[in-house]
């Protein structure tokens, strides 16, 4: 018992606990490792192009959130700028779930697109100050590169979808 108490009050354990408390409570903000960089302000962006760098995750609303590694942005006056950094984007659930099993809108159509890590995406978006993220209003294109890396990303996405369907069939 003394050994456990001794380990709990070790300075490294206490420092780790204090840092975790400060970070998770929001007292200390962590800056993004890959911040948004472009000649167009985030608030003015209406179209963005980039590569999905994280698989979409369901949020509380009717959206999926994922991160995009930017390559270019544009504003309404069609002024374009190269961009870099990683931003969050919220995608409509009907669009993301179009290939998912047991969904009301789960059916294969020519508009069905695979939203997985490695896919290139171009979308009309709007910026939200509230969530500090973009919301996709219209997905213009989603595709995988014809390179080996792109085809492996596509294969990985298809295998994930097949696994979801298999698990769904089992109940």
Foldseek 3Di string as FASTA:
>chain_A
DVVVVVVCPDPVNVVVVVVVCCDVVVVDDDDAPFDKDKPDDQQQWFKWKFFFAAFWDDDPDQWTKTKGATQKTAGPVRDIIGMGGIFMEIEGNLQACCCAPPDPNPDDDPSRDQRHGQKIWMFGWHADPVVRHIYGPGTPDIGFDPDPVRVVRVVVSVVVRVVRVVVVVVD
